[in-house]
Amino acid sequence: MRKLFLFVVLALLLTFGVANATNIPQMVDPKEYPTVWTEVVYNGSGSTIYSGHIVQWDFETSDSSINYNDDMCMWIATADAASDIWTAGVVPVGNNIANGAVGAIIIRGPAYIMEHTTPPTANEICGTHTDGTVTTDGAGANTSSIGITVDASPTYGPNGGSGSGFSIVYVEPTQSDD
């Protein structure tokens, strides 16, 4: 009887486990491939979120059929405020997230990000512009950064092309009370 009880408990635990979670790679080839952490998210913003753009958490719009989960689900929208406190991560290049679809964002590690007309410079903290592109992080009024610019004008870019229009940023969103 105890074995049957234990079996049922284990089966229930496996059944109700987390289906999607933060992807933290356990094994990588650091010589050839970057290590990036990703988070599974939902786009309920009303429009497609394009790859290479910075996104922000959209908890206020989050609407779960389970009442106590309202305003707590992993919803995102294109970043629409300069260095907003809700900065979440970056949509990986080549992986647009359609409205009403589930996708992934990079929350830590190197990523190509579309540049604003005022691109960041290498070795500086950078933030989001009001259109979801990356720019130099201004001092004072900003409350969040997306990370540190590794390369402001990479030789190679997405899909083996030129890096023009992109910066490589080590993504690690950080909030501040500045």
C-alpha atoms as a PDB file:
ATOM      1  CA  MET A   1       0.000   0.000   0.000  1.00  0.00           C
ATOM      2  CA  ARG A   2       2.842   2.396   0.817  1.00  0.00           C
ATOM      3  CA  LYS A   3       4.467   1.712  -2.557  1.00  0.00           C
ATOM      4  CA  LEU A   4       1.206   2.478  -4.352  1.00  0.00           C
ATOM      5  CA  PHE A   5       0.810   5.709  -2.359  1.00  0.00           C
ATOM      6  CA  LEU A   6       4.396   6.740  -3.161  1.00  0.00           C
ATOM      7  CA  PHE A   7       3.870   5.942  -6.849  1.00  0.00           C
ATOM      8  CA  VAL A   8       0.699   8.085  -6.994  1.00  0.00           C
ATOM      9  CA  VAL A   9       2.420  11.009  -5.256  1.00  0.00           C
ATOM     10  CA  LEU A  10       5.373  10.854  -7.658  1.00  0.00           C
ATOM     11  CA  ALA A  11       3.044  10.633 -10.663  1.00  0.00           C
ATOM     12  CA  LEU A  12       1.139  13.712  -9.477  1.00  0.00           C
ATOM     13  CA  LEU A  13       4.353  15.656  -8.923  1.00  0.00           C
ATOM     14  CA  LEU A  14       5.536  14.860 -12.444  1.00  0.00           C
ATOM     15  CA  THR A  15       2.124  15.690 -13.920  1.00  0.00           C
ATOM     16  CA  PHE A  16       1.896  19.098 -12.281  1.00  0.00           C
ATOM     17  CA  GLY A  17       5.543  20.060 -12.827  1.00  0.00           C
ATOM     18  CA  VAL A  18       6.636  23.193 -14.635  1.00  0.00           C
ATOM     19  CA  ALA A  19       6.198  22.784 -18.394  1.00  0.00           C
ATOM     20  CA  ASN A  20       8.200  25.836 -19.449  1.00  0.00           C
ATOM     21  CA  ALA A  21      10.955  27.371 -17.387  1.00  0.00           C
ATOM     22  CA  THR A  22      13.983  29.565 -17.702  1.00  0.00           C
ATOM     23  CA  ASN A  23      16.484  27.830 -19.951  1.00  0.00           C
ATOM     24  CA  ILE A  24      19.903  27.902 -18.311  1.00  0.00           C
ATOM     25  CA  PRO A  25      22.264  25.775 -20.405  1.00  0.00           C
ATOM     26  CA  GLN A  26      24.078  23.087 -18.466  1.00  0.00           C
ATOM     27  CA  MET A  27      26.690  22.209 -21.088  1.00  0.00           C
ATOM     28  CA  VAL A  28      28.158  24.487 -23.740  1.00  0.00           C
ATOM     29  CA  ASP A  29      31.203  24.739 -25.949  1.00  0.00           C
ATOM     30  CA  PRO A  30      32.524  28.123 -24.749  1.00  0.00           C
ATOM     31  CA  LYS A  31      35.148  28.186 -27.503  1.00  0.00           C
ATOM     32  CA  GLU A  32      32.596  28.111 -30.340  1.00  0.00           C
ATOM     33  CA  TYR A  33      29.182  29.144 -28.960  1.00  0.00           C
ATOM     34  CA  PRO A  34      27.876  31.854 -26.624  1.00  0.00           C
ATOM     35  CA  THR A  35      26.022  30.874 -23.480  1.00  0.00           C
ATOM     36  CA  VAL A  36      22.632  32.560 -23.230  1.00  0.00           C
ATOM     37  CA  TRP A  37      19.798  32.195 -20.755  1.00  0.00           C
ATOM     38  CA  THR A  38      16.308  32.426 -22.180  1.00  0.00           C
ATOM     39  CA  GLU A  39      12.840  32.865 -20.717  1.00  0.00           C
ATOM     40  CA  VAL A  40       9.607  31.613 -22.263  1.00  0.00           C
ATOM     41  CA  VAL A  41       7.185  34.542 -22.654  1.00  0.00           C
ATOM     42  CA  TYR A  42       3.807  35.461 -24.146  1.00  0.00           C
ATOM     43  CA  ASN A  43       3.203  38.377 -26.519  1.00  0.00           C
ATOM     44  CA  GLY A  44      -0.194  39.895 -25.743  1.00  0.00           C
ATOM     45  CA  SER A  45       0.827  43.386 -26.860  1.00  0.00           C
ATOM     46  CA  GLY A  46      -1.417  43.594 -29.930  1.00  0.00           C
ATOM     47  CA  SER A  47       1.386  43.479 -32.514  1.00  0.00           C
ATOM     48  CA  THR A  48       4.371  41.398 -33.601  1.00  0.00           C
ATOM     49  CA  ILE A  49       7.560  41.926 -31.620  1.00  0.00           C
ATOM     50  CA  TYR A  50      10.492  41.813 -34.024  1.00  0.00           C
ATOM     51  CA  SER A  51      13.763  40.025 -33.486  1.00  0.00           C
ATOM     52  CA  GLY A  52      16.704  42.023 -32.220  1.00  0.00           C
ATOM     53  CA  HIS A  53      14.439  44.367 -30.241  1.00  0.00           C
ATOM     54  CA  ILE A  54      14.398  44.992 -26.511  1.00  0.00           C
ATOM     55  CA  VAL A  55      11.218  44.062 -24.661  1.00  0.00           C
ATOM     56  CA  GLN A  56       9.685  45.031 -21.351  1.00  0.00           C
ATOM     57  CA  TRP A  57       7.474  43.115 -18.948  1.00  0.00           C
ATOM     58  CA  ASP A  58       3.784  43.757 -19.580  1.00  0.00           C
ATOM     59  CA  PHE A  59       2.342  42.497 -16.308  1.00  0.00           C
ATOM     60  CA  GLU A  60      -0.447  45.084 -16.248  1.00  0.00           C
ATOM     61  CA  THR A  61      -1.911  43.633 -19.466  1.00  0.00           C
ATOM     62  CA  SER A  62      -1.405  40.048 -18.263  1.00  0.00           C
ATOM     63  CA  ASP A  63      -4.818  38.389 -18.071  1.00  0.00           C
ATOM     64  CA  SER A  64      -5.099  34.858 -16.794  1.00  0.00           C
ATOM     65  CA  SER A  65      -8.300  32.828 -16.597  1.00  0.00           C
ATOM     66  CA  ILE A  66      -7.147  31.970 -13.078  1.00  0.00           C
ATOM     67  CA  ASN A  67      -7.936  35.170 -11.158  1.00  0.00           C
ATOM     68  CA  TYR A  68      -5.059  35.042  -8.712  1.00  0.00           C
ATOM     69  CA  ASN A  69      -2.599  34.902 -11.670  1.00  0.00           C
ATOM     70  CA  ASP A  70      -3.800  38.175 -13.226  1.00  0.00           C
ATOM     71  CA  ASP A  71      -0.969  40.688 -13.554  1.00  0.00           C
ATOM     72  CA  MET A  72       1.647  38.014 -12.797  1.00  0.00           C
ATOM     73  CA  CYS A  73       2.104  36.099 -16.063  1.00  0.00           C
ATOM     74  CA  MET A  74       5.188  36.472 -18.277  1.00  0.00           C
ATOM     75  CA  TRP A  75       3.687  38.840 -20.846  1.00  0.00           C
ATOM     76  CA  ILE A  76       5.923  41.173 -22.871  1.00  0.00           C
ATOM     77  CA  ALA A  77       5.676  44.173 -25.196  1.00  0.00           C
ATOM     78  CA  THR A  78       8.241  46.105 -27.237  1.00  0.00           C
ATOM     79  CA  ALA A  79      10.059  48.486 -24.896  1.00  0.00           C
ATOM     80  CA  ASP A  80       8.418  51.897 -25.231  1.00  0.00           C
ATOM     81  CA  ALA A  81      10.220  54.012 -22.645  1.00  0.00           C
ATOM     82  CA  ALA A  82      13.864  55.052 -22.364  1.00  0.00           C
ATOM     83  CA  SER A  83      15.655  52.667 -19.994  1.00  0.00           C
ATOM     84  CA  ASP A  84      12.355  51.666 -18.407  1.00  0.00           C
ATOM     85  CA  ILE A  85      12.374  49.849 -15.070  1.00  0.00           C
ATOM     86  CA  TRP A  86      10.392  47.007 -16.731  1.00  0.00           C
ATOM     87  CA  THR A  87      13.202  46.139 -19.203  1.00  0.00           C
ATOM     88  CA  ALA A  88      13.070  42.346 -19.582  1.00  0.00           C
ATOM     89  CA  GLY A  89      15.426  41.170 -22.329  1.00  0.00           C
ATOM     90  CA  VAL A  90      15.902  40.843 -26.081  1.00  0.00           C
ATOM     91  CA  VAL A  91      14.084  38.850 -28.765  1.00  0.00           C
ATOM     92  CA  PRO A  92      16.762  36.650 -30.412  1.00  0.00           C
ATOM     93  CA  VAL A  93      17.603  37.515 -34.020  1.00  0.00           C
ATOM     94  CA  GLY A  94      15.512  35.498 -36.469  1.00  0.00           C
ATOM     95  CA  ASN A  95      12.738  34.760 -33.957  1.00  0.00           C
ATOM     96  CA  ASN A  96       9.916  37.306 -34.226  1.00  0.00           C
ATOM     97  CA  ILE A  97       7.118  36.754 -31.692  1.00  0.00           C
ATOM     98  CA  ALA A  98       3.688  37.217 -33.259  1.00  0.00           C
ATOM     99  CA  ASN A  99       0.864  38.752 -31.247  1.00  0.00           C
ATOM    100  CA  GLY A 100      -0.868  36.057 -29.232  1.00  0.00           C
ATOM    101  CA  ALA A 101       2.097  33.692 -29.515  1.00  0.00           C
ATOM    102  CA  VAL A 102       4.595  32.197 -27.102  1.00  0.00           C
ATOM    103  CA  GLY A 103       8.286  32.803 -27.751  1.00  0.00           C
ATOM    104  CA  ALA A 104      11.588  33.221 -25.973  1.00  0.00           C
ATOM    105  CA  ILE A 105      13.712  36.195 -24.970  1.00  0.00           C
ATOM    106  CA  ILE A 106      17.366  36.373 -23.984  1.00  0.00           C
ATOM    107  CA  ILE A 107      17.612  37.444 -20.345  1.00  0.00           C
ATOM    108  CA  ARG A 108      21.354  36.927 -19.905  1.00  0.00           C
ATOM    109  CA  GLY A 109      24.268  36.555 -22.288  1.00  0.00           C
ATOM    110  CA  PRO A 110      25.479  38.115 -25.552  1.00  0.00           C
ATOM    111  CA  ALA A 111      22.917  39.148 -28.168  1.00  0.00           C
ATOM    112  CA  TYR A 112      22.621  41.183 -31.343  1.00  0.00           C
ATOM    113  CA  ILE A 113      20.357  44.184 -30.723  1.00  0.00           C
ATOM    114  CA  MET A 114      19.060  46.664 -33.296  1.00  0.00           C
ATOM    115  CA  GLU A 115      20.754  50.052 -32.867  1.00  0.00           C
ATOM    116  CA  HIS A 116      19.026  53.386 -32.494  1.00  0.00           C
ATOM    117  CA  THR A 117      20.312  56.304 -34.591  1.00  0.00           C
ATOM    118  CA  THR A 118      22.466  57.096 -31.543  1.00  0.00           C
ATOM    119  CA  PRO A 119      24.152  53.705 -31.112  1.00  0.00           C
ATOM    120  CA  PRO A 120      26.011  52.801 -27.947  1.00  0.00           C
ATOM    121  CA  THR A 121      29.789  52.690 -27.833  1.00  0.00           C
ATOM    122  CA  ALA A 122      31.800  49.652 -26.826  1.00  0.00           C
ATOM    123  CA  ASN A 123      32.471  48.986 -23.140  1.00  0.00           C
ATOM    124  CA  GLU A 124      29.619  51.177 -21.915  1.00  0.00           C
ATOM    125  CA  ILE A 125      26.350  50.497 -20.155  1.00  0.00           C
ATOM    126  CA  CYS A 126      23.493  50.750 -22.622  1.00  0.00           C
ATOM    127  CA  GLY A 127      19.744  51.014 -22.399  1.00  0.00           C
ATOM    128  CA  THR A 128      16.630  50.946 -24.493  1.00  0.00           C
ATOM    129  CA  HIS A 129      15.295  53.758 -26.621  1.00  0.00           C
ATOM    130  CA  THR A 130      11.542  54.392 -26.832  1.00  0.00           C
ATOM    131  CA  ASP A 131      11.304  52.158 -29.936  1.00  0.00           C
ATOM    132  CA  GLY A 132      12.909  49.019 -28.472  1.00  0.00           C
ATOM    133  CA  THR A 133      16.348  49.667 -29.981  1.00  0.00           C
ATOM    134  CA  VAL A 134      19.597  49.989 -28.034  1.00  0.00           C
ATOM    135  CA  THR A 135      21.307  53.300 -27.313  1.00  0.00           C
ATOM    136  CA  THR A 136      23.873  54.763 -24.937  1.00  0.00           C
ATOM    137  CA  ASP A 137      22.474  54.839 -21.427  1.00  0.00           C
ATOM    138  CA  GLY A 138      22.126  58.451 -20.304  1.00  0.00           C
ATOM    139  CA  ALA A 139      22.909  59.469 -16.753  1.00  0.00           C
ATOM    140  CA  GLY A 140      20.319  60.644 -14.270  1.00  0.00           C
ATOM    141  CA  ALA A 141      16.729  59.905 -15.224  1.00  0.00           C
ATOM    142  CA  ASN A 142      17.113  56.290 -16.334  1.00  0.00           C
ATOM    143  CA  THR A 143      15.987  53.469 -14.115  1.00  0.00           C
ATOM    144  CA  SER A 144      17.260  50.420 -15.991  1.00  0.00           C
ATOM    145  CA  SER A 145      19.976  49.221 -18.341  1.00  0.00           C
ATOM    146  CA  ILE A 146      19.851  46.309 -20.773  1.00  0.00           C
ATOM    147  CA  GLY A 147      23.533  45.490 -20.324  1.00  0.00           C
ATOM    148  CA  ILE A 148      27.041  46.352 -21.526  1.00  0.00           C
ATOM    149  CA  THR A 149      28.003  46.920 -25.155  1.00  0.00           C
ATOM    150  CA  VAL A 150      30.569  44.321 -26.196  1.00  0.00           C
ATOM    151  CA  ASP A 151      30.922  45.483 -29.821  1.00  0.00           C
ATOM    152  CA  ALA A 152      29.280  48.623 -31.203  1.00  0.00           C
ATOM    153  CA  SER A 153      30.069  47.791 -34.842  1.00  0.00           C
ATOM    154  CA  PRO A 154      30.532  44.046 -35.284  1.00  0.00           C
ATOM    155  CA  THR A 155      32.156  42.821 -38.495  1.00  0.00           C
ATOM    156  CA  TYR A 156      29.675  39.963 -38.748  1.00  0.00           C
ATOM    157  CA  GLY A 157      25.993  40.211 -38.085  1.00  0.00           C
ATOM    158  CA  PRO A 158      22.907  38.037 -38.011  1.00  0.00           C
ATOM    159  CA  ASN A 159      22.716  35.305 -40.627  1.00  0.00           C
ATOM    160  CA  GLY A 160      26.374  35.746 -41.578  1.00  0.00           C
ATOM    161  CA  GLY A 161      25.873  39.255 -42.984  1.00  0.00           C
ATOM    162  CA  SER A 162      27.326  42.586 -42.013  1.00  0.00           C
ATOM    163  CA  GLY A 163      26.891  43.742 -38.427  1.00  0.00           C
ATOM    164  CA  SER A 164      25.747  47.161 -39.639  1.00  0.00           C
ATOM    165  CA  GLY A 165      22.709  48.334 -37.685  1.00  0.00           C
ATOM    166  CA  PHE A 166      23.370  45.997 -34.762  1.00  0.00           C
ATOM    167  CA  SER A 167      25.403  46.102 -31.567  1.00  0.00           C
ATOM    168  CA  ILE A 168      26.475  43.060 -29.594  1.00  0.00           C
ATOM    169  CA  VAL A 169      25.372  43.555 -26.004  1.00  0.00           C
ATOM    170  CA  TYR A 170      25.970  41.333 -22.993  1.00  0.00           C
ATOM    171  CA  VAL A 171      22.361  41.287 -21.828  1.00  0.00           C
ATOM    172  CA  GLU A 172      21.748  41.431 -18.099  1.00  0.00           C
ATOM    173  CA  PRO A 173      18.857  43.808 -17.309  1.00  0.00           C
ATOM    174  CA  THR A 174      19.581  45.803 -14.198  1.00  0.00           C
ATOM    175  CA  GLN A 175      17.225  48.121 -12.340  1.00  0.00           C
ATOM    176  CA  SER A 176      18.362  51.220 -10.515  1.00  0.00           C
ATOM    177  CA  ASP A 177      16.788  53.900  -8.366  1.00  0.00           C
ATOM    178  CA  ASP A 178      18.646  56.707 -10.197  1.00  0.00           C
END
